[in-house]
Amino acid sequence: MFLEGSPQTFEQAVQWICFFQVVERLNGHGNGYGRRDLLLNDFYRRGIEKGILTRTEARELIAEMYLKYGGNYFALGGRLKDGTDATNEVSWIGIEAYDITGGYNHLGLMWHPDIDKAFYACGCEVVARHGCGTPALVNYDILRDSELYSGYSYDDAWNVACSGCRWYCAVGCEYSDHAMNCLVLTKALDMAVEEGIKNNITGFGELWELYDRHLEKTIDMLVEFKNKVYEWQDRVWPEMVTSLCMHGPIEKGCDVTSPKGVNNTCTSVNVLGVPNVVDSLQALKEIVFDRKLYSLKEVRKARLNDWQNAEELRQFLLNAQKFGNDLDDVDALYVRVANRIVAIAAVAGYVPKDVLQKPCKFRPKYGLLMNWQHTP
C-alpha cells in the first residue's frame, strides 16, 4: 500500500525505517540510524492508547524487521537530555524481539549507572543465551563524553548512538565514516618484528620500542590519509541519501561528506587487532626472549610457511599466556597496548591530552580522530 506523508502508526514507522535503511545502503555505506526506542516510543504509546496496537504486535513487527534486514544499526537505552534513564517500553520490546529471532544484528544496549537494572539484566541474559555479541553492551556516558571532548555541543552529544559493531555518532550531525577509519595494530607489530630481525635485537624491551615507533607512524599515516580523502570524497563518493537526513548539508548546499557540510569530526576509529597484538607480544616475550627457545627469525619463517614442519613451535606459541584468562602479566600488557594508542594520539594532538577537559580544543584538519522479569 502506497502512503503519502510522514508515518502515522507504529507499523508505518517501522516500515519507513526499513525502507530508509535499504535505500541509504544502496547509495552509501550507512551512517547509523539512531536510537530506535526513542524514535518509535511516541508511535507505540499512541497506538496503545488508541487501541490499534498491542505490545505483542509491536514486538512481532520489530522481530520481523530483524529478520528482513539483519544489519539493523540501532541503539537502545542510554540517557535522555536531562540525564535521566531513557529506558522505555520500546527498549524492552527491542531486546525481546531479538531474543525471539537471534542471528546477525548490530544492536547496541547503551548502559549507564542509573539504567533500569532489570532491563540491563535482560540484555545481559540475551547476550549470553545467543552467544553472538548481540546486543553489544556499550557505556553511554563514555560515548556522550567522547562527543563532548571532540567539540560537539551537549544538545548534539546527549543524543549519541552506537551505530554499528564498533561505531557511534551524534545522530543527525556527524558523518561517522564507520569502517573506512581503521588502525591495524597487527601490521605495526609485523613491521616491528621485521626490523627487529634486521637489527638482531635480544630483548623484549627493544621489540616494544620498535612496535611503539611503528604504531606512531601508523597513526600519523591514517590521519594524513583521511585528511586527503576528505578533500575529495564528496566529489567521488557522496552520501546523497544520508545528506537528506542530516543537519547542515541542505542548508549549506553540499554533501554530508564535504568538509563544509557538517561537523566532520569522526569519533569512530576502528582499532583492529588489540587482543591479537597482546597475545602475540606475550608469546614472543615468553618463548623468544624469556625462555629463548626460538629466535624471532625462526618464528617469522614458520609463520610465513603456515607452520609447516614447525608444529612444536606452533604449540609453544599457542600455549603461551593469553588475554582474557585473569592472568596479571598479559592483562597488564593489554592495558599497556591500549594506553599507548591513546597516549600517542594525545601527544600528536589527535585526541585531548586531558580527557577530563571538555570540549576538545584541538581538531585535526577535517577531524579524524541473568534472570529477569518485566511487567509492562
Protein backbone atom coordinates (compact mmCIF):
# COMPACT_ATOMS: atom_id res chain seq x y z
CA MET A 1 0.00 0.00 0.00
CA PHE A 2 1.38 3.37 -1.03
CA LEU A 3 1.37 6.03 1.67
CA GLU A 4 1.99 9.73 1.41
CA GLY A 5 3.42 11.97 4.09
CA SER A 6 5.09 11.01 7.34
CA PRO A 7 4.31 7.71 9.12
CA GLN A 8 1.25 7.89 11.37
CA THR A 9 1.28 4.49 13.08
CA PHE A 10 3.86 2.23 14.71
CA GLU A 11 3.70 -0.18 11.79
CA GLN A 12 4.23 2.61 9.26
CA ALA A 13 7.16 3.97 11.25
CA VAL A 14 8.84 0.55 11.35
CA GLN A 15 8.28 0.17 7.61
CA TRP A 16 9.72 3.63 6.95
CA ILE A 17 12.85 2.72 8.94
CA CYS A 18 13.28 -0.50 6.92
CA PHE A 19 12.84 1.41 3.67
CA PHE A 20 15.35 4.10 4.65
CA GLN A 21 18.00 1.57 5.66
CA VAL A 22 17.77 -0.23 2.32
CA VAL A 23 17.79 2.95 0.23
CA GLU A 24 20.68 4.52 2.12
CA ARG A 25 22.83 1.42 1.82
CA LEU A 26 22.14 1.19 -1.90
CA ASN A 27 23.85 4.56 -2.18
CA GLY A 28 26.49 4.55 0.55
CA HIS A 29 27.96 2.67 3.46
CA GLY A 30 25.48 3.86 6.11
CA ASN A 31 25.78 6.33 8.93
CA GLY A 32 23.90 4.67 11.75
CA TYR A 33 20.21 5.15 12.37
CA GLY A 34 19.91 6.49 15.87
CA ARG A 35 18.09 5.34 18.97
CA ARG A 36 15.16 3.24 17.89
CA ASP A 37 13.39 3.16 21.25
CA LEU A 38 13.23 6.98 21.25
CA LEU A 39 12.27 7.13 17.57
CA LEU A 40 9.34 4.72 17.99
CA ASN A 41 8.16 5.40 21.53
CA ASP A 42 5.55 8.06 20.63
CA PHE A 43 4.15 5.88 17.85
CA TYR A 44 3.95 2.97 20.30
CA ARG A 45 2.19 4.96 23.04
CA ARG A 46 -0.35 6.45 20.63
CA GLY A 47 -1.08 3.03 19.17
CA ILE A 48 -1.65 1.53 22.61
CA GLU A 49 -3.84 4.46 23.72
CA LYS A 50 -5.99 4.28 20.57
CA GLY A 51 -6.37 0.51 20.85
CA ILE A 52 -4.91 -0.11 17.37
CA LEU A 53 -1.72 -1.77 18.61
CA THR A 54 -0.83 -4.38 21.22
CA ARG A 55 2.53 -4.98 22.84
CA THR A 56 2.73 -8.41 21.20
CA GLU A 57 2.05 -6.92 17.76
CA ALA A 58 4.76 -4.30 18.30
CA ARG A 59 7.26 -6.97 19.30
CA GLU A 60 6.40 -9.08 16.27
CA LEU A 61 6.88 -6.10 13.94
CA ILE A 62 10.32 -5.42 15.37
CA ALA A 63 11.22 -9.11 15.15
CA GLU A 64 10.16 -9.14 11.50
CA MET A 65 12.37 -6.11 10.89
CA TYR A 66 15.33 -8.02 12.36
CA LEU A 67 14.61 -10.91 10.01
CA LYS A 68 14.03 -8.71 6.97
CA TYR A 69 17.17 -6.64 7.34
CA GLY A 70 19.88 -8.15 9.51
CA GLY A 71 22.15 -5.12 9.67
CA ASN A 72 19.95 -3.06 11.96
CA TYR A 73 22.34 -0.36 13.21
CA PHE A 74 20.35 0.91 16.17
CA ALA A 75 20.91 1.77 19.80
CA LEU A 76 18.64 1.14 22.78
CA GLY A 77 18.80 2.63 26.27
CA GLY A 78 21.16 5.45 27.25
CA ARG A 79 20.03 8.69 28.85
CA LEU A 80 17.58 11.43 27.96
CA LYS A 81 18.69 15.03 27.51
CA ASP A 82 18.07 15.77 31.20
CA GLY A 83 20.37 12.91 32.19
CA THR A 84 17.68 10.50 33.37
CA ASP A 85 17.41 6.92 32.19
CA ALA A 86 15.96 6.66 28.67
CA THR A 87 14.68 3.08 29.02
CA ASN A 88 11.08 2.81 27.81
CA GLU A 89 8.70 0.09 26.71
CA VAL A 90 10.12 0.03 23.18
CA SER A 91 13.58 -0.58 24.69
CA TRP A 92 12.24 -3.79 26.24
CA ILE A 93 10.42 -4.73 23.06
CA GLY A 94 13.60 -4.32 21.04
CA ILE A 95 15.54 -6.74 23.25
CA GLU A 96 12.70 -9.25 23.49
CA ALA A 97 12.23 -9.21 19.70
CA TYR A 98 15.88 -10.07 19.20
CA ASP A 99 15.58 -12.84 21.78
CA ILE A 100 12.89 -14.33 19.55
CA THR A 101 14.87 -14.14 16.32
CA GLY A 102 18.55 -14.19 17.26
CA GLY A 103 21.00 -14.05 14.40
CA TYR A 104 23.00 -11.25 12.83
CA ASN A 105 22.03 -7.79 14.04
CA HIS A 106 24.02 -4.71 15.06
CA LEU A 107 22.10 -3.67 18.15
CA GLY A 108 23.68 -1.70 20.96
CA LEU A 109 22.43 -1.56 24.54
CA MET A 110 23.79 1.70 25.97
CA TRP A 111 24.13 1.14 29.71
CA HIS A 112 24.99 3.62 32.46
CA PRO A 113 24.98 3.54 36.29
CA ASP A 114 21.36 4.72 36.50
CA ILE A 115 19.91 2.33 33.93
CA ASP A 116 16.85 0.22 34.72
CA LYS A 117 18.55 -2.73 36.40
CA ALA A 118 16.01 -5.29 35.19
CA PHE A 119 16.36 -4.08 31.60
CA TYR A 120 20.14 -4.32 31.73
CA ALA A 121 19.96 -7.80 33.29
CA CYS A 122 17.62 -8.81 30.47
CA GLY A 123 20.11 -7.56 27.87
CA CYS A 124 22.99 -9.42 29.54
CA GLU A 125 21.00 -12.64 29.62
CA VAL A 126 20.09 -12.33 25.94
CA VAL A 127 23.76 -11.82 25.04
CA ALA A 128 24.73 -14.93 27.00
CA ARG A 129 21.87 -17.03 25.62
CA HIS A 130 22.54 -16.34 21.92
CA GLY A 131 26.32 -16.22 22.08
CA CYS A 132 26.87 -13.79 19.20
CA GLY A 133 27.51 -10.50 20.96
CA THR A 134 24.06 -9.00 20.44
CA PRO A 135 23.09 -6.65 21.87
CA ALA A 136 26.53 -5.08 22.24
CA LEU A 137 26.89 -3.64 25.75
CA VAL A 138 28.36 -0.14 25.46
CA ASN A 139 28.88 2.64 28.00
CA TYR A 140 26.58 5.54 27.11
CA ASP A 141 28.37 8.04 29.34
CA ILE A 142 31.70 7.34 27.62
CA LEU A 143 30.14 7.77 24.17
CA ARG A 144 28.47 11.04 25.14
CA ASP A 145 31.63 12.41 26.76
CA SER A 146 33.67 11.43 23.72
CA GLU A 147 31.40 13.60 21.59
CA LEU A 148 31.86 16.47 24.04
CA TYR A 149 35.64 16.02 24.01
CA SER A 150 35.53 16.15 20.21
CA GLY A 151 33.83 19.54 20.23
CA TYR A 152 30.14 18.73 19.89
CA SER A 153 27.61 20.73 21.86
CA TYR A 154 25.66 18.99 24.61
CA ASP A 155 22.48 19.39 22.53
CA ASP A 156 24.06 17.09 19.94
CA ALA A 157 26.19 14.90 22.21
CA TRP A 158 23.41 13.66 24.53
CA ASN A 159 21.69 12.01 21.54
CA VAL A 160 24.73 9.90 20.67
CA ALA A 161 24.03 6.38 19.47
CA CYS A 162 26.17 3.37 18.84
CA SER A 163 25.65 2.78 15.14
CA GLY A 164 27.42 -0.44 14.22
CA CYS A 165 29.61 -3.19 15.57
CA ARG A 166 32.18 -0.72 16.97
CA TRP A 167 30.90 2.69 15.92
CA TYR A 168 28.94 5.59 17.30
CA CYS A 169 27.94 9.07 16.20
CA ALA A 170 25.99 12.17 17.17
CA VAL A 171 22.67 11.49 15.48
CA GLY A 172 21.89 13.81 12.57
CA CYS A 173 25.03 15.91 12.77
CA GLU A 174 28.07 13.65 12.42
CA TYR A 175 29.35 11.87 9.36
CA SER A 176 30.94 8.98 11.21
CA ASP A 177 32.62 7.29 8.24
CA HIS A 178 32.43 3.99 10.07
CA ALA A 179 34.57 1.16 8.68
CA MET A 180 36.63 3.49 6.50
CA ASN A 181 38.77 4.51 9.51
CA CYS A 182 40.93 1.56 10.55
CA LEU A 183 44.07 1.43 12.67
CA VAL A 184 45.59 -2.04 12.14
CA LEU A 185 47.86 -2.86 15.08
CA THR A 186 48.96 -6.22 13.70
CA LYS A 187 50.68 -4.51 10.78
CA ALA A 188 52.65 -2.29 13.15
CA LEU A 189 53.79 -5.38 15.06
CA ASP A 190 54.65 -7.19 11.84
CA MET A 191 56.92 -4.31 10.77
CA ALA A 192 58.47 -4.20 14.23
CA VAL A 193 59.37 -7.90 14.03
CA GLU A 194 60.89 -7.38 10.57
CA GLU A 195 63.04 -4.53 11.86
CA GLY A 196 63.90 -6.46 15.00
CA ILE A 197 65.29 -9.33 12.93
CA LYS A 198 67.40 -6.94 10.85
CA ASN A 199 68.77 -5.26 13.98
CA ASN A 200 69.40 -8.54 15.83
CA ILE A 201 67.51 -7.38 18.93
CA THR A 202 67.90 -9.51 22.04
CA GLY A 203 65.30 -8.20 24.50
CA PHE A 204 61.56 -7.70 24.69
CA GLY A 205 62.05 -4.04 25.56
CA GLU A 206 63.70 -3.47 22.20
CA LEU A 207 60.79 -5.15 20.40
CA TRP A 208 58.33 -2.97 22.31
CA GLU A 209 60.21 0.20 21.30
CA LEU A 210 60.10 -0.84 17.65
CA TYR A 211 56.39 -1.65 17.86
CA ASP A 212 55.75 1.70 19.58
CA ARG A 213 57.58 3.58 16.83
CA HIS A 214 55.70 1.82 14.03
CA LEU A 215 52.39 2.37 15.83
CA GLU A 216 53.09 6.10 15.95
CA LYS A 217 53.87 6.12 12.23
CA THR A 218 50.69 4.16 11.53
CA ILE A 219 48.54 6.66 13.42
CA ASP A 220 50.14 9.60 11.61
CA MET A 221 49.66 7.93 8.24
CA LEU A 222 45.99 7.19 8.96
CA VAL A 223 45.28 10.83 9.80
CA GLU A 224 47.20 12.08 6.76
CA PHE A 225 45.36 9.62 4.52
CA LYS A 226 41.92 10.51 5.85
CA ASN A 227 42.52 14.23 5.50
CA LYS A 228 43.37 13.65 1.83
CA VAL A 229 40.27 11.51 1.40
CA TYR A 230 38.02 14.20 2.86
CA GLU A 231 39.31 16.72 0.30
CA TRP A 232 37.80 14.61 -2.48
CA GLN A 233 35.16 12.31 -1.00
CA ASP A 234 32.12 14.50 -1.71
CA ARG A 235 33.10 14.51 -5.41
CA VAL A 236 33.98 10.81 -5.63
CA TRP A 237 31.71 9.02 -3.13
CA PRO A 238 28.93 11.37 -1.99
CA GLU A 239 26.35 10.17 0.53
CA MET A 240 23.26 11.64 -1.10
CA VAL A 241 20.58 9.82 0.90
CA THR A 242 22.36 10.39 4.20
CA SER A 243 22.68 14.08 3.39
CA LEU A 244 18.89 14.42 3.20
CA CYS A 245 18.53 13.43 6.86
CA MET A 246 21.35 15.46 8.37
CA HIS A 247 21.52 18.97 9.81
CA GLY A 248 23.67 21.15 7.56
CA PRO A 249 24.01 19.73 4.03
CA ILE A 250 20.73 21.09 2.66
CA GLU A 251 21.18 24.48 4.31
CA LYS A 252 24.76 24.75 3.01
CA GLY A 253 24.12 23.18 -0.37
CA CYS A 254 26.74 20.45 -0.07
CA ASP A 255 27.13 16.75 0.60
CA VAL A 256 27.46 15.43 4.14
CA THR A 257 30.97 14.16 3.31
CA SER A 258 32.16 17.63 2.37
CA PRO A 259 34.48 19.36 4.88
CA LYS A 260 31.99 22.23 4.95
CA GLY A 261 28.91 20.02 5.19
CA VAL A 262 28.62 19.09 8.86
CA ASN A 263 31.00 18.66 11.76
CA ASN A 264 33.32 16.07 10.25
CA THR A 265 34.99 15.05 13.49
CA CYS A 266 34.96 11.27 13.25
CA THR A 267 34.80 9.86 16.74
CA SER A 268 34.69 6.28 15.48
CA VAL A 269 38.09 4.88 14.52
CA ASN A 270 38.36 1.12 14.34
CA VAL A 271 41.38 -0.11 16.31
CA LEU A 272 41.83 -3.60 14.92
CA GLY A 273 43.80 -6.44 16.43
CA VAL A 274 44.31 -5.32 20.03
CA PRO A 275 43.97 -8.82 21.59
CA ASN A 276 45.92 -10.33 18.67
CA VAL A 277 48.83 -7.97 19.25
CA VAL A 278 48.72 -8.50 23.01
CA ASP A 279 48.71 -12.30 22.68
CA SER A 280 51.48 -12.14 20.06
CA LEU A 281 53.68 -9.86 22.14
CA GLN A 282 53.17 -12.05 25.20
CA ALA A 283 54.02 -15.21 23.25
CA LEU A 284 57.18 -13.66 21.80
CA LYS A 285 58.19 -12.42 25.24
CA GLU A 286 57.78 -15.87 26.79
CA ILE A 287 59.14 -18.11 24.03
CA VAL A 288 61.74 -15.91 22.30
CA PHE A 289 63.07 -13.50 24.91
CA ASP A 290 62.49 -15.12 28.33
CA ARG A 291 62.86 -18.84 27.63
CA LYS A 292 64.97 -18.36 24.45
CA LEU A 293 63.52 -21.47 22.83
CA TYR A 294 63.34 -19.93 19.35
CA SER A 295 64.52 -16.78 17.60
CA LEU A 296 62.38 -14.06 16.04
CA LYS A 297 63.65 -15.14 12.65
CA GLU A 298 62.51 -18.73 13.24
CA VAL A 299 59.07 -17.57 14.34
CA ARG A 300 58.71 -15.34 11.29
CA LYS A 301 59.83 -18.12 8.93
CA ALA A 302 57.39 -20.59 10.45
CA ARG A 303 54.52 -18.13 10.18
CA LEU A 304 55.28 -17.31 6.53
CA ASN A 305 55.36 -21.07 5.78
CA ASP A 306 51.99 -21.54 7.50
CA TRP A 307 53.71 -23.54 10.30
CA GLN A 308 54.77 -26.40 8.05
CA ASN A 309 57.37 -28.54 9.82
CA ALA A 310 57.09 -26.24 12.85
CA GLU A 311 54.39 -27.87 14.93
CA GLU A 312 56.42 -27.79 18.13
CA LEU A 313 56.98 -24.04 17.80
CA ARG A 314 53.30 -23.52 17.00
CA GLN A 315 52.29 -25.38 20.16
CA PHE A 316 54.69 -23.36 22.31
CA LEU A 317 53.20 -20.12 20.99
CA LEU A 318 49.67 -21.46 21.17
CA ASN A 319 50.06 -22.34 24.85
CA ALA A 320 51.62 -19.06 25.91
CA GLN A 321 49.55 -16.84 28.22
CA LYS A 322 46.53 -15.24 26.55
CA PHE A 323 44.50 -12.16 27.39
CA GLY A 324 41.12 -12.73 28.99
CA ASN A 325 42.08 -15.51 31.40
CA ASP A 326 42.61 -13.38 34.52
CA LEU A 327 46.41 -13.56 34.18
CA ASP A 328 48.09 -10.49 35.64
CA ASP A 329 51.06 -10.25 33.25
CA VAL A 330 49.15 -10.49 29.97
CA ASP A 331 46.27 -8.37 31.28
CA ALA A 332 48.77 -5.66 32.22
CA LEU A 333 50.24 -5.89 28.72
CA TYR A 334 46.78 -5.35 27.26
CA VAL A 335 46.41 -2.17 29.31
CA ARG A 336 49.86 -1.06 28.16
CA VAL A 337 48.98 -1.60 24.49
CA ALA A 338 45.65 0.22 24.81
CA ASN A 339 47.12 3.14 26.75
CA ARG A 340 49.85 3.67 24.17
CA ILE A 341 47.27 4.17 21.44
CA VAL A 342 45.64 6.96 23.44
CA ALA A 343 48.96 8.45 24.56
CA ILE A 344 50.45 8.60 21.05
CA ALA A 345 47.28 10.16 19.67
CA ALA A 346 47.24 12.68 22.53
CA VAL A 347 50.85 13.76 22.00
CA ALA A 348 50.14 14.18 18.29
CA GLY A 349 47.07 16.24 19.13
CA TYR A 350 44.51 13.87 17.63
CA VAL A 351 42.72 13.46 20.95
CA PRO A 352 42.67 15.68 24.06
CA LYS A 353 45.71 15.32 26.31
CA ASP A 354 43.47 15.74 29.33
CA VAL A 355 40.40 13.57 28.82
CA LEU A 356 38.65 15.42 31.63
CA GLN A 357 38.77 18.68 29.68
CA LYS A 358 35.78 19.37 27.52
CA PRO A 359 35.17 20.28 24.88
CA CYS A 360 38.25 19.26 22.94
CA LYS A 361 40.14 22.37 21.84
CA PHE A 362 42.13 20.69 19.10
CA ARG A 363 40.82 19.10 15.96
CA PRO A 364 42.78 17.76 13.00
CA LYS A 365 42.36 19.40 9.61
CA TYR A 366 38.92 17.93 8.96
CA GLY A 367 38.54 15.79 12.01
CA LEU A 368 39.77 12.23 12.36
CA LEU A 369 40.23 11.50 15.20
CA MET A 370 20.61 -13.13 34.13
CA ASN A 371 17.21 -13.91 35.07
CA TRP A 372 14.82 -11.04 34.66
CA GLN A 373 11.19 -10.18 34.97
CA HIS A 374 9.33 -7.25 33.46
CA THR A 375 5.72 -6.26 33.86
CA PRO A 376 4.56 -3.61 31.34
